[in-house]
């Protein structure tokens, strides 16, 4: 990549961010991040869907630096173009949820942070309604991290910003998950939620088939 090239708009980045070359991705990241942080930057993008797909490929990369860079770029895009990116939320969330199983703690933390950022930008309910895939994910680590994210969400936003009954349904289901760590995290989640909502949780649990031993 020609490091001296000028990027006048997001369109000018479209071709280079689609590169599969690790060095190219790492180099253009610094320029794209700087571009997005400038208040006067031209954010015109002819094919926003293609642009987002290229960055999502970064997020899904096995190289943790590129994955974190992709998450950072997505957050900057949402920050500056949240209305235009709202239609892409489901695709973005699906890719981010998969990173919750990453072997690198930095990637998992960055993934949860951007999901919390999206809840702040849109609403917690809007994002959680699209996070159902996390509770039913085939990878146990993802379910653990989703439960941890739910705890953080209740702590940050409060129960009134989410569909309590719907959330409790998912958590109760995970109390019988085949993975011990998921079951333990689900129980901890209910305990933490109870600290926040008290008898509201008790009333919701009466509507669910909670295992007797719990």
N, C-alpha and C. Protein backbone atom coordinates (compact mmCIF):
# COMPACT_ATOMS: atom_id res chain seq x y z
N UNK A 1 0.84 -1.20 0.00
CA UNK A 1 0.00 0.00 0.00
C UNK A 1 0.86 1.24 0.00
N UNK A 2 0.51 2.22 -0.76
CA UNK A 2 1.24 3.48 -0.82
C UNK A 2 0.89 4.31 0.41
N UNK A 3 1.84 4.39 1.36
CA UNK A 3 1.57 5.10 2.62
C UNK A 3 1.39 6.58 2.41
N UNK A 4 1.74 7.06 1.23
CA UNK A 4 1.62 8.48 1.00
C UNK A 4 0.32 8.87 0.34
N UNK A 5 -0.54 7.90 0.06
CA UNK A 5 -1.78 8.22 -0.64
C UNK A 5 -2.70 9.03 0.26
N UNK A 6 -3.53 9.83 -0.36
CA UNK A 6 -4.44 10.69 0.39
C UNK A 6 -5.82 10.07 0.43
N UNK A 7 -6.42 10.05 1.60
CA UNK A 7 -7.77 9.54 1.77
C UNK A 7 -8.69 10.72 2.01
N UNK A 8 -9.54 10.99 1.05
CA UNK A 8 -10.41 12.15 1.13
C UNK A 8 -11.80 11.83 1.66
N UNK A 9 -12.18 10.55 1.58
CA UNK A 9 -13.48 10.12 2.08
C UNK A 9 -13.39 8.64 2.42
N UNK A 10 -14.45 8.10 3.03
CA UNK A 10 -14.46 6.67 3.33
C UNK A 10 -14.34 5.83 2.07
N UNK A 11 -14.89 6.33 0.98
CA UNK A 11 -14.81 5.61 -0.29
C UNK A 11 -13.37 5.30 -0.67
N UNK A 12 -12.46 6.21 -0.34
CA UNK A 12 -11.06 6.02 -0.71
C UNK A 12 -10.40 4.88 0.07
N UNK A 13 -11.02 4.47 1.17
CA UNK A 13 -10.48 3.36 1.96
C UNK A 13 -11.03 2.00 1.51
N UNK A 14 -12.11 2.01 0.74
CA UNK A 14 -12.86 0.79 0.47
C UNK A 14 -12.02 -0.34 -0.11
N UNK A 15 -11.18 -0.02 -1.06
CA UNK A 15 -10.40 -1.06 -1.72
C UNK A 15 -9.32 -1.62 -0.80
N UNK A 16 -8.61 -0.75 -0.12
CA UNK A 16 -7.48 -1.20 0.67
C UNK A 16 -7.91 -1.97 1.93
N UNK A 17 -9.04 -1.61 2.54
CA UNK A 17 -9.47 -2.33 3.74
C UNK A 17 -9.96 -3.74 3.41
N UNK A 18 -10.23 -4.00 2.13
CA UNK A 18 -10.68 -5.32 1.71
C UNK A 18 -9.50 -6.28 1.52
N UNK A 19 -8.30 -5.77 1.64
CA UNK A 19 -7.10 -6.60 1.47
C UNK A 19 -7.04 -7.68 2.55
N UNK A 20 -6.54 -8.85 2.17
CA UNK A 20 -6.34 -9.95 3.14
C UNK A 20 -4.94 -9.92 3.73
N UNK A 21 -4.10 -9.02 3.24
CA UNK A 21 -2.72 -8.92 3.69
C UNK A 21 -2.66 -8.31 5.09
N UNK A 22 -2.05 -9.03 6.02
CA UNK A 22 -1.99 -8.57 7.41
C UNK A 22 -1.29 -7.24 7.54
N UNK A 23 -0.16 -7.08 6.86
CA UNK A 23 0.59 -5.83 6.96
C UNK A 23 -0.18 -4.65 6.41
N UNK A 24 -0.92 -4.87 5.32
CA UNK A 24 -1.73 -3.81 4.74
C UNK A 24 -2.83 -3.41 5.72
N UNK A 25 -3.48 -4.39 6.32
CA UNK A 25 -4.55 -4.11 7.28
C UNK A 25 -4.03 -3.31 8.48
N UNK A 26 -2.87 -3.71 8.99
CA UNK A 26 -2.30 -3.02 10.13
C UNK A 26 -1.91 -1.59 9.79
N UNK A 27 -1.39 -1.40 8.58
CA UNK A 27 -0.95 -0.07 8.17
C UNK A 27 -2.14 0.86 7.92
N UNK A 28 -3.13 0.38 7.22
CA UNK A 28 -4.27 1.24 6.90
C UNK A 28 -5.10 1.54 8.14
N UNK A 29 -5.05 0.65 9.14
CA UNK A 29 -5.80 0.90 10.37
C UNK A 29 -5.44 2.24 10.99
N UNK A 30 -4.16 2.51 11.11
CA UNK A 30 -3.73 3.76 11.73
C UNK A 30 -4.28 4.97 10.99
N UNK A 31 -4.30 4.88 9.65
CA UNK A 31 -4.80 6.00 8.85
C UNK A 31 -6.31 6.12 8.94
N UNK A 32 -7.00 4.98 8.95
CA UNK A 32 -8.46 4.99 9.04
C UNK A 32 -8.91 5.47 10.42
N UNK A 33 -8.24 5.02 11.47
CA UNK A 33 -8.59 5.46 12.82
C UNK A 33 -8.41 6.97 12.94
N UNK A 34 -7.29 7.48 12.45
CA UNK A 34 -7.02 8.92 12.50
C UNK A 34 -8.06 9.69 11.71
N UNK A 35 -8.42 9.16 10.54
CA UNK A 35 -9.41 9.79 9.67
C UNK A 35 -10.75 9.91 10.38
N UNK A 36 -11.18 8.84 11.04
CA UNK A 36 -12.48 8.82 11.70
C UNK A 36 -12.52 9.69 12.96
N UNK A 37 -11.37 9.96 13.53
CA UNK A 37 -11.32 10.79 14.73
C UNK A 37 -11.29 12.28 14.42
N UNK A 38 -11.13 12.62 13.14
CA UNK A 38 -11.11 14.03 12.74
C UNK A 38 -12.53 14.51 12.49
N UNK A 39 -12.91 15.58 13.15
CA UNK A 39 -14.29 16.06 13.07
C UNK A 39 -14.69 16.52 11.68
N UNK A 40 -13.73 16.90 10.85
CA UNK A 40 -14.05 17.44 9.53
C UNK A 40 -13.97 16.39 8.43
N UNK A 41 -13.74 15.13 8.77
CA UNK A 41 -13.58 14.09 7.75
C UNK A 41 -14.85 13.87 6.96
N UNK A 42 -14.69 13.57 5.68
CA UNK A 42 -15.81 13.28 4.78
C UNK A 42 -16.19 11.81 4.95
N UNK A 43 -17.35 11.55 5.52
CA UNK A 43 -17.78 10.18 5.81
C UNK A 43 -18.67 9.59 4.71
N UNK A 44 -18.64 10.21 3.55
CA UNK A 44 -19.44 9.67 2.45
C UNK A 44 -18.92 8.28 2.05
N UNK A 45 -19.84 7.34 1.91
CA UNK A 45 -19.48 5.98 1.51
C UNK A 45 -20.55 5.46 0.55
N UNK A 46 -20.15 5.21 -0.68
CA UNK A 46 -21.09 4.78 -1.71
C UNK A 46 -21.70 3.43 -1.39
N UNK A 47 -20.90 2.51 -0.89
CA UNK A 47 -21.38 1.16 -0.57
C UNK A 47 -21.03 0.85 0.89
N UNK A 48 -21.86 1.33 1.80
CA UNK A 48 -21.61 1.16 3.23
C UNK A 48 -21.67 -0.31 3.62
N UNK A 49 -22.53 -1.08 2.97
CA UNK A 49 -22.64 -2.50 3.26
C UNK A 49 -21.33 -3.23 2.99
N UNK A 50 -20.72 -2.96 1.85
CA UNK A 50 -19.45 -3.58 1.49
C UNK A 50 -18.34 -3.12 2.44
N UNK A 51 -18.37 -1.84 2.79
CA UNK A 51 -17.37 -1.28 3.70
C UNK A 51 -17.44 -2.01 5.05
N UNK A 52 -18.66 -2.15 5.58
CA UNK A 52 -18.85 -2.83 6.87
C UNK A 52 -18.43 -4.29 6.80
N UNK A 53 -18.73 -4.94 5.68
CA UNK A 53 -18.34 -6.34 5.52
C UNK A 53 -16.83 -6.51 5.57
N UNK A 54 -16.12 -5.56 5.00
CA UNK A 54 -14.65 -5.62 5.02
C UNK A 54 -14.13 -5.48 6.44
N UNK A 55 -14.72 -4.56 7.20
CA UNK A 55 -14.28 -4.38 8.59
C UNK A 55 -14.70 -5.57 9.45
N UNK A 56 -15.85 -6.15 9.15
CA UNK A 56 -16.28 -7.34 9.88
C UNK A 56 -15.33 -8.50 9.64
N UNK A 57 -14.72 -8.54 8.45
CA UNK A 57 -13.71 -9.57 8.17
C UNK A 57 -12.50 -9.36 9.08
N UNK A 58 -12.19 -8.10 9.38
CA UNK A 58 -11.12 -7.82 10.35
C UNK A 58 -11.51 -8.37 11.72
N UNK A 59 -12.74 -8.07 12.14
CA UNK A 59 -13.22 -8.51 13.45
C UNK A 59 -13.11 -10.03 13.59
N UNK A 60 -13.37 -10.74 12.51
CA UNK A 60 -13.36 -12.20 12.53
C UNK A 60 -11.97 -12.79 12.33
N UNK A 61 -10.96 -11.95 12.17
CA UNK A 61 -9.60 -12.41 11.92
C UNK A 61 -9.05 -13.21 13.09
N UNK A 62 -8.21 -14.19 12.79
CA UNK A 62 -7.55 -14.98 13.84
C UNK A 62 -6.39 -14.20 14.47
N UNK A 63 -6.00 -13.11 13.83
CA UNK A 63 -4.96 -12.24 14.37
C UNK A 63 -5.62 -11.28 15.36
N UNK A 64 -5.29 -11.39 16.64
CA UNK A 64 -6.04 -10.64 17.65
C UNK A 64 -5.87 -9.12 17.49
N UNK A 65 -4.73 -8.68 16.98
CA UNK A 65 -4.52 -7.25 16.77
C UNK A 65 -5.48 -6.71 15.71
N UNK A 66 -5.62 -7.46 14.63
CA UNK A 66 -6.53 -7.05 13.56
C UNK A 66 -7.97 -7.10 14.05
N UNK A 67 -8.30 -8.12 14.83
CA UNK A 67 -9.66 -8.25 15.37
C UNK A 67 -10.00 -7.05 16.24
N UNK A 68 -9.10 -6.68 17.14
CA UNK A 68 -9.34 -5.53 18.02
C UNK A 68 -9.40 -4.24 17.21
N UNK A 69 -8.54 -4.13 16.19
CA UNK A 69 -8.58 -2.96 15.31
C UNK A 69 -9.93 -2.84 14.63
N UNK A 70 -10.46 -3.98 14.18
CA UNK A 70 -11.77 -3.98 13.53
C UNK A 70 -12.87 -3.53 14.48
N UNK A 71 -12.80 -3.99 15.73
CA UNK A 71 -13.79 -3.58 16.73
C UNK A 71 -13.70 -2.08 17.00
N UNK A 72 -12.47 -1.56 17.04
CA UNK A 72 -12.28 -0.13 17.26
C UNK A 72 -12.88 0.69 16.13
N UNK A 73 -12.66 0.24 14.89
CA UNK A 73 -13.19 0.96 13.73
C UNK A 73 -14.71 0.93 13.72
N UNK A 74 -15.29 -0.22 14.04
CA UNK A 74 -16.75 -0.32 14.09
C UNK A 74 -17.31 0.64 15.12
N UNK A 75 -16.66 0.74 16.27
CA UNK A 75 -17.15 1.66 17.30
C UNK A 75 -17.08 3.11 16.82
N UNK A 76 -16.01 3.47 16.14
CA UNK A 76 -15.88 4.83 15.62
C UNK A 76 -16.93 5.11 14.55
N UNK A 77 -17.21 4.12 13.72
CA UNK A 77 -18.24 4.28 12.69
C UNK A 77 -19.61 4.49 13.32
N UNK A 78 -19.92 3.69 14.34
CA UNK A 78 -21.20 3.84 15.03
C UNK A 78 -21.28 5.20 15.71
N UNK A 79 -20.18 5.63 16.28
CA UNK A 79 -20.16 6.92 16.96
C UNK A 79 -20.51 8.07 16.03
N UNK A 80 -20.03 8.00 14.78
CA UNK A 80 -20.22 9.09 13.84
C UNK A 80 -21.38 8.87 12.87
N UNK A 81 -21.80 7.60 12.71
CA UNK A 81 -22.82 7.28 11.70
C UNK A 81 -23.87 6.35 12.28
N UNK A 82 -24.28 6.57 13.54
CA UNK A 82 -25.13 5.60 14.22
C UNK A 82 -26.48 5.39 13.52
N UNK A 83 -27.03 6.43 12.93
CA UNK A 83 -28.32 6.27 12.26
C UNK A 83 -28.19 5.40 11.01
N UNK A 84 -27.14 5.65 10.23
CA UNK A 84 -26.93 4.87 9.01
C UNK A 84 -26.57 3.43 9.31
N UNK A 85 -25.88 3.20 10.43
CA UNK A 85 -25.42 1.85 10.76
C UNK A 85 -26.47 1.03 11.52
N UNK A 86 -27.57 1.65 11.90
CA UNK A 86 -28.56 0.92 12.69
C UNK A 86 -29.09 -0.30 11.93
N UNK A 87 -29.21 -0.18 10.62
CA UNK A 87 -29.70 -1.30 9.81
C UNK A 87 -28.71 -2.46 9.76
N UNK A 88 -27.46 -2.20 10.14
CA UNK A 88 -26.43 -3.24 10.09
C UNK A 88 -26.18 -3.86 11.46
N UNK A 89 -26.97 -3.46 12.45
CA UNK A 89 -26.73 -3.90 13.83
C UNK A 89 -26.71 -5.41 13.98
N UNK A 90 -27.64 -6.10 13.34
CA UNK A 90 -27.71 -7.55 13.49
C UNK A 90 -26.43 -8.21 12.99
N UNK A 91 -25.97 -7.83 11.80
CA UNK A 91 -24.74 -8.40 11.25
C UNK A 91 -23.55 -8.08 12.14
N UNK A 92 -23.48 -6.85 12.61
CA UNK A 92 -22.39 -6.44 13.48
C UNK A 92 -22.40 -7.26 14.77
N UNK A 93 -23.56 -7.41 15.38
CA UNK A 93 -23.69 -8.13 16.64
C UNK A 93 -23.30 -9.60 16.48
N UNK A 94 -23.74 -10.24 15.41
CA UNK A 94 -23.42 -11.66 15.17
C UNK A 94 -21.92 -11.87 15.12
N UNK A 95 -21.22 -10.98 14.42
CA UNK A 95 -19.76 -11.10 14.33
C UNK A 95 -19.09 -10.85 15.68
N UNK A 96 -19.60 -9.87 16.41
CA UNK A 96 -19.00 -9.54 17.70
C UNK A 96 -19.24 -10.66 18.71
N UNK A 97 -20.42 -11.24 18.71
CA UNK A 97 -20.74 -12.33 19.64
C UNK A 97 -19.76 -13.49 19.46
N UNK A 98 -19.42 -13.81 18.24
CA UNK A 98 -18.47 -14.90 18.01
C UNK A 98 -17.11 -14.63 18.65
N UNK A 99 -16.74 -13.35 18.75
CA UNK A 99 -15.44 -13.01 19.34
C UNK A 99 -15.43 -13.18 20.86
N UNK A 100 -16.59 -13.36 21.45
CA UNK A 100 -16.65 -13.59 22.89
C UNK A 100 -16.03 -14.93 23.28
N UNK A 101 -15.77 -15.78 22.31
CA UNK A 101 -15.13 -17.07 22.57
C UNK A 101 -13.64 -17.02 22.25
N UNK A 102 -13.13 -15.85 21.91
CA UNK A 102 -11.72 -15.72 21.53
C UNK A 102 -10.82 -16.12 22.69
N UNK A 103 -9.66 -16.69 22.35
CA UNK A 103 -8.72 -17.12 23.38
C UNK A 103 -8.03 -15.95 24.07
N UNK A 104 -8.04 -14.78 23.43
CA UNK A 104 -7.41 -13.59 23.99
C UNK A 104 -8.42 -12.79 24.82
N UNK A 105 -8.05 -12.54 26.09
CA UNK A 105 -8.93 -11.78 26.96
C UNK A 105 -9.17 -10.38 26.42
N UNK A 106 -8.15 -9.81 25.74
CA UNK A 106 -8.29 -8.45 25.19
C UNK A 106 -9.41 -8.38 24.17
N UNK A 107 -9.54 -9.43 23.35
CA UNK A 107 -10.57 -9.46 22.32
C UNK A 107 -11.95 -9.61 22.96
N UNK A 108 -12.05 -10.48 23.95
CA UNK A 108 -13.33 -10.68 24.63
C UNK A 108 -13.77 -9.39 25.33
N UNK A 109 -12.83 -8.73 26.00
CA UNK A 109 -13.15 -7.48 26.69
C UNK A 109 -13.57 -6.40 25.71
N UNK A 110 -12.85 -6.29 24.60
CA UNK A 110 -13.18 -5.28 23.59
C UNK A 110 -14.55 -5.55 22.98
N UNK A 111 -14.88 -6.82 22.82
CA UNK A 111 -16.18 -7.19 22.24
C UNK A 111 -17.32 -6.80 23.18
N UNK A 112 -17.14 -7.07 24.47
CA UNK A 112 -18.18 -6.68 25.43
C UNK A 112 -18.30 -5.16 25.54
N UNK A 113 -17.17 -4.49 25.47
CA UNK A 113 -17.19 -3.02 25.57
C UNK A 113 -17.94 -2.38 24.41
N UNK A 114 -17.76 -2.90 23.20
CA UNK A 114 -18.46 -2.31 22.07
C UNK A 114 -19.95 -2.62 22.13
N UNK A 115 -20.32 -3.78 22.67
CA UNK A 115 -21.74 -4.09 22.83
C UNK A 115 -22.39 -3.15 23.85
N UNK A 116 -21.67 -2.85 24.92
CA UNK A 116 -22.17 -1.88 25.90
C UNK A 116 -22.26 -0.49 25.28
N UNK A 117 -21.29 -0.15 24.44
CA UNK A 117 -21.31 1.13 23.74
C UNK A 117 -22.53 1.21 22.81
N UNK A 118 -22.84 0.11 22.14
CA UNK A 118 -24.00 0.08 21.25
C UNK A 118 -25.30 0.23 22.05
N UNK A 119 -25.34 -0.32 23.26
CA UNK A 119 -26.52 -0.16 24.11
C UNK A 119 -26.70 1.30 24.50
N UNK A 120 -25.60 1.98 24.74
CA UNK A 120 -25.65 3.39 25.08
C UNK A 120 -26.06 4.23 23.87
N UNK A 121 -25.55 3.86 22.70
CA UNK A 121 -25.82 4.62 21.48
C UNK A 121 -27.27 4.44 21.02
N UNK A 122 -27.74 3.23 21.03
CA UNK A 122 -29.13 2.94 20.65
C UNK A 122 -29.93 2.84 21.95
N UNK A 123 -30.33 1.64 22.34
CA UNK A 123 -30.91 1.41 23.67
C UNK A 123 -30.53 -0.01 24.09
N UNK A 124 -30.46 -0.29 25.41
CA UNK A 124 -30.17 -1.65 25.84
C UNK A 124 -31.17 -2.66 25.29
N UNK A 125 -32.44 -2.29 25.28
CA UNK A 125 -33.48 -3.20 24.78
C UNK A 125 -33.26 -3.51 23.31
N UNK A 126 -32.94 -2.49 22.53
CA UNK A 126 -32.74 -2.69 21.08
C UNK A 126 -31.61 -3.67 20.82
N UNK A 127 -30.53 -3.55 21.57
CA UNK A 127 -29.38 -4.43 21.36
C UNK A 127 -29.64 -5.83 21.91
N UNK A 128 -30.21 -5.92 23.11
CA UNK A 128 -30.47 -7.24 23.69
C UNK A 128 -31.48 -8.03 22.89
N UNK A 129 -32.41 -7.36 22.26
CA UNK A 129 -33.36 -8.07 21.40
C UNK A 129 -32.66 -8.74 20.22
N UNK A 130 -31.44 -8.29 19.93
CA UNK A 130 -30.65 -8.86 18.83
C UNK A 130 -29.48 -9.70 19.32
N UNK A 131 -29.40 -9.87 20.64
CA UNK A 131 -28.33 -10.66 21.23
C UNK A 131 -28.77 -12.07 21.63
N UNK A 132 -29.98 -12.46 21.25
CA UNK A 132 -30.50 -13.78 21.60
C UNK A 132 -29.57 -14.90 21.15
N UNK A 133 -28.88 -14.66 20.04
CA UNK A 133 -27.97 -15.67 19.49
C UNK A 133 -26.91 -16.06 20.51
N UNK A 134 -26.55 -15.14 21.39
CA UNK A 134 -25.52 -15.43 22.39
C UNK A 134 -25.95 -16.46 23.41
N UNK A 135 -27.20 -16.41 23.83
CA UNK A 135 -27.70 -17.36 24.83
C UNK A 135 -27.82 -18.77 24.26
N UNK A 136 -27.97 -18.87 22.94
CA UNK A 136 -28.14 -20.17 22.30
C UNK A 136 -26.91 -20.61 21.52
N UNK A 137 -25.80 -19.94 21.74
CA UNK A 137 -24.59 -20.22 20.98
C UNK A 137 -24.06 -21.63 21.28
N UNK A 138 -23.44 -22.25 20.30
CA UNK A 138 -22.93 -23.61 20.47
C UNK A 138 -21.67 -23.65 21.34
N UNK A 139 -21.00 -22.51 21.47
CA UNK A 139 -19.76 -22.47 22.25
C UNK A 139 -20.07 -21.99 23.67
N UNK A 140 -19.68 -22.77 24.65
CA UNK A 140 -19.99 -22.47 26.05
C UNK A 140 -19.40 -21.13 26.49
N UNK A 141 -18.20 -20.82 26.04
CA UNK A 141 -17.54 -19.58 26.46
C UNK A 141 -18.36 -18.36 26.06
N UNK A 142 -18.98 -18.43 24.90
CA UNK A 142 -19.84 -17.31 24.46
C UNK A 142 -20.99 -17.12 25.42
N UNK A 143 -21.61 -18.22 25.84
CA UNK A 143 -22.74 -18.12 26.76
C UNK A 143 -22.29 -17.57 28.12
N UNK A 144 -21.11 -17.97 28.56
CA UNK A 144 -20.56 -17.41 29.80
C UNK A 144 -20.41 -15.89 29.70
N UNK A 145 -19.81 -15.45 28.60
CA UNK A 145 -19.54 -14.03 28.42
C UNK A 145 -20.83 -13.23 28.23
N UNK A 146 -21.82 -13.82 27.58
CA UNK A 146 -23.11 -13.14 27.41
C UNK A 146 -23.78 -12.93 28.76
N UNK A 147 -23.68 -13.93 29.63
CA UNK A 147 -24.24 -13.80 30.97
C UNK A 147 -23.50 -12.72 31.76
N UNK A 148 -22.19 -12.67 31.62
CA UNK A 148 -21.41 -11.62 32.28
C UNK A 148 -21.80 -10.25 31.73
N UNK A 149 -22.02 -10.18 30.43
CA UNK A 149 -22.46 -8.93 29.81
C UNK A 149 -23.82 -8.50 30.34
N UNK A 150 -24.70 -9.47 30.56
CA UNK A 150 -26.02 -9.15 31.10
C UNK A 150 -25.91 -8.57 32.51
N UNK A 151 -25.02 -9.14 33.31
CA UNK A 151 -24.79 -8.62 34.66
C UNK A 151 -24.31 -7.17 34.58
N UNK A 152 -23.36 -6.92 33.69
CA UNK A 152 -22.83 -5.56 33.52
C UNK A 152 -23.91 -4.61 33.02
N UNK A 153 -24.79 -5.12 32.17
CA UNK A 153 -25.86 -4.28 31.61
C UNK A 153 -26.84 -3.86 32.69
N UNK A 154 -27.23 -4.80 33.54
CA UNK A 154 -28.15 -4.47 34.64
C UNK A 154 -27.51 -3.45 35.57
N UNK A 155 -26.21 -3.62 35.82
CA UNK A 155 -25.50 -2.71 36.71
C UNK A 155 -25.38 -1.31 36.11
N UNK A 156 -25.18 -1.24 34.79
CA UNK A 156 -24.95 0.03 34.11
C UNK A 156 -26.23 0.77 33.77
N UNK A 157 -27.24 0.01 33.30
CA UNK A 157 -28.46 0.65 32.77
C UNK A 157 -29.70 0.47 33.65
N UNK A 158 -29.69 -0.55 34.51
CA UNK A 158 -30.86 -0.81 35.33
C UNK A 158 -31.85 -1.72 34.62
N UNK A 159 -32.73 -2.33 35.39
CA UNK A 159 -33.68 -3.31 34.86
C UNK A 159 -34.76 -2.68 33.99
N UNK A 160 -35.07 -1.42 34.22
CA UNK A 160 -36.15 -0.79 33.47
C UNK A 160 -35.81 -0.56 32.01
N UNK A 161 -34.54 -0.68 31.67
CA UNK A 161 -34.10 -0.46 30.28
C UNK A 161 -34.09 -1.74 29.46
N UNK A 162 -34.52 -2.87 30.08
CA UNK A 162 -34.52 -4.15 29.38
C UNK A 162 -35.80 -4.91 29.66
N UNK A 163 -36.09 -5.90 28.82
CA UNK A 163 -37.24 -6.76 29.03
C UNK A 163 -36.86 -7.83 30.06
N UNK A 164 -37.17 -7.54 31.32
CA UNK A 164 -36.74 -8.43 32.40
C UNK A 164 -37.21 -9.87 32.20
N UNK A 165 -38.50 -10.02 31.89
CA UNK A 165 -39.04 -11.37 31.73
C UNK A 165 -38.35 -12.16 30.64
N UNK A 166 -38.05 -11.51 29.55
CA UNK A 166 -37.38 -12.17 28.43
C UNK A 166 -35.97 -12.58 28.81
N UNK A 167 -35.26 -11.69 29.51
CA UNK A 167 -33.90 -11.99 29.93
C UNK A 167 -33.87 -13.15 30.91
N UNK A 168 -34.80 -13.14 31.86
CA UNK A 168 -34.86 -14.19 32.87
C UNK A 168 -35.12 -15.55 32.21
N UNK A 169 -35.95 -15.57 31.18
CA UNK A 169 -36.23 -16.82 30.46
C UNK A 169 -34.96 -17.44 29.92
N UNK A 170 -34.12 -16.62 29.30
CA UNK A 170 -32.86 -17.12 28.74
C UNK A 170 -31.92 -17.61 29.84
N UNK A 171 -31.85 -16.85 30.94
CA UNK A 171 -30.93 -17.21 32.02
C UNK A 171 -31.36 -18.51 32.69
N UNK A 172 -32.65 -18.65 32.96
CA UNK A 172 -33.17 -19.86 33.60
C UNK A 172 -32.87 -21.09 32.73
N UNK A 173 -33.01 -20.94 31.44
CA UNK A 173 -32.71 -22.06 30.53
C UNK A 173 -31.27 -22.51 30.67
N UNK A 174 -30.36 -21.57 30.89
CA UNK A 174 -28.94 -21.90 30.99
C UNK A 174 -28.57 -22.51 32.34
N UNK A 175 -29.51 -22.51 33.29
CA UNK A 175 -29.26 -23.19 34.57
C UNK A 175 -29.14 -24.69 34.38
N UNK A 176 -29.64 -25.20 33.26
CA UNK A 176 -29.55 -26.64 32.97
C UNK A 176 -28.63 -26.91 31.78
N UNK A 177 -27.78 -25.97 31.45
CA UNK A 177 -26.83 -26.15 30.36
C UNK A 177 -25.89 -27.31 30.68
N UNK A 178 -25.38 -27.97 29.65
CA UNK A 178 -24.50 -29.12 29.86
C UNK A 178 -23.14 -28.72 30.44
N UNK A 179 -22.79 -27.43 30.32
CA UNK A 179 -21.49 -26.95 30.79
C UNK A 179 -21.60 -26.38 32.21
N UNK A 180 -20.76 -26.87 33.11
CA UNK A 180 -20.81 -26.45 34.51
C UNK A 180 -20.53 -24.96 34.68
N UNK A 181 -19.59 -24.42 33.90
CA UNK A 181 -19.24 -23.00 34.02
C UNK A 181 -20.42 -22.11 33.60
N UNK A 182 -21.14 -22.56 32.58
CA UNK A 182 -22.31 -21.81 32.13
C UNK A 182 -23.39 -21.84 33.20
N UNK A 183 -23.63 -23.02 33.80
CA UNK A 183 -24.64 -23.15 34.85
C UNK A 183 -24.30 -22.25 36.04
N UNK A 184 -23.03 -22.26 36.43
CA UNK A 184 -22.60 -21.43 37.56
C UNK A 184 -22.77 -19.94 37.25
N UNK A 185 -22.44 -19.56 36.05
CA UNK A 185 -22.56 -18.16 35.65
C UNK A 185 -24.03 -17.74 35.59
N UNK A 186 -24.89 -18.64 35.13
CA UNK A 186 -26.32 -18.34 35.06
C UNK A 186 -26.89 -18.11 36.47
N UNK A 187 -26.47 -18.94 37.42
CA UNK A 187 -26.94 -18.77 38.80
C UNK A 187 -26.43 -17.45 39.38
N UNK A 188 -25.15 -17.16 39.12
CA UNK A 188 -24.58 -15.89 39.59
C UNK A 188 -25.32 -14.71 38.98
N UNK A 189 -25.69 -14.85 37.71
CA UNK A 189 -26.43 -13.79 37.02
C UNK A 189 -27.77 -13.52 37.71
N UNK A 190 -28.48 -14.57 38.05
CA UNK A 190 -29.76 -14.40 38.74
C UNK A 190 -29.57 -13.74 40.11
N UNK A 191 -28.51 -14.11 40.79
CA UNK A 191 -28.23 -13.51 42.11
C UNK A 191 -27.97 -12.01 41.96
N UNK A 192 -27.17 -11.65 40.95
CA UNK A 192 -26.85 -10.24 40.73
C UNK A 192 -28.08 -9.46 40.28
N UNK A 193 -28.90 -10.07 39.46
CA UNK A 193 -30.12 -9.40 39.01
C UNK A 193 -31.06 -9.19 40.20
N UNK A 194 -31.13 -10.18 41.09
CA UNK A 194 -31.98 -10.05 42.28
C UNK A 194 -31.55 -8.87 43.15
N UNK A 195 -30.24 -8.65 43.22
CA UNK A 195 -29.74 -7.51 44.01
C UNK A 195 -30.25 -6.19 43.44
N UNK A 196 -30.53 -6.19 42.14
CA UNK A 196 -30.98 -4.97 41.47
C UNK A 196 -32.49 -4.80 41.52
N UNK A 197 -33.22 -5.90 41.27
CA UNK A 197 -34.68 -5.77 41.10
C UNK A 197 -35.49 -6.39 42.23
N UNK A 198 -34.87 -7.17 43.09
CA UNK A 198 -35.57 -7.76 44.23
C UNK A 198 -36.75 -8.65 43.85
N UNK A 199 -37.91 -8.36 44.42
CA UNK A 199 -39.08 -9.21 44.24
C UNK A 199 -39.59 -9.28 42.81
N UNK A 200 -39.20 -8.33 41.99
CA UNK A 200 -39.57 -8.42 40.57
C UNK A 200 -39.01 -9.69 39.96
N UNK A 201 -37.79 -10.05 40.35
CA UNK A 201 -37.19 -11.28 39.85
C UNK A 201 -37.93 -12.49 40.41
N UNK A 202 -38.26 -12.44 41.69
CA UNK A 202 -38.99 -13.55 42.31
C UNK A 202 -40.30 -13.81 41.57
N UNK A 203 -41.00 -12.75 41.21
CA UNK A 203 -42.27 -12.90 40.50
C UNK A 203 -42.05 -13.49 39.11
N UNK A 204 -40.97 -13.09 38.46
CA UNK A 204 -40.67 -13.64 37.14
C UNK A 204 -40.32 -15.13 37.24
N UNK A 205 -39.59 -15.50 38.29
CA UNK A 205 -39.19 -16.89 38.45
C UNK A 205 -40.38 -17.80 38.70
N UNK A 206 -41.44 -17.26 39.31
CA UNK A 206 -42.64 -18.06 39.54
C UNK A 206 -43.30 -18.47 38.23
N UNK A 207 -43.03 -17.67 37.20
CA UNK A 207 -43.62 -17.96 35.88
C UNK A 207 -42.77 -18.96 35.10
N UNK A 208 -41.54 -19.22 35.58
CA UNK A 208 -40.63 -20.11 34.86
C UNK A 208 -40.55 -21.46 35.58
N UNK A 209 -40.08 -22.45 34.87
CA UNK A 209 -39.90 -23.77 35.47
C UNK A 209 -38.48 -23.84 36.02
N UNK A 210 -38.25 -23.19 37.14
CA UNK A 210 -36.93 -23.17 37.74
C UNK A 210 -36.63 -24.54 38.36
N UNK A 211 -35.46 -25.11 38.07
CA UNK A 211 -35.11 -26.41 38.65
C UNK A 211 -35.22 -26.39 40.17
N UNK A 212 -35.79 -27.44 40.74
CA UNK A 212 -36.08 -27.49 42.18
C UNK A 212 -34.82 -27.29 43.03
N UNK A 213 -33.69 -27.87 42.55
CA UNK A 213 -32.47 -27.77 43.34
C UNK A 213 -31.94 -26.36 43.42
N UNK A 214 -32.43 -25.43 42.55
CA UNK A 214 -32.01 -24.04 42.60
C UNK A 214 -32.87 -23.25 43.58
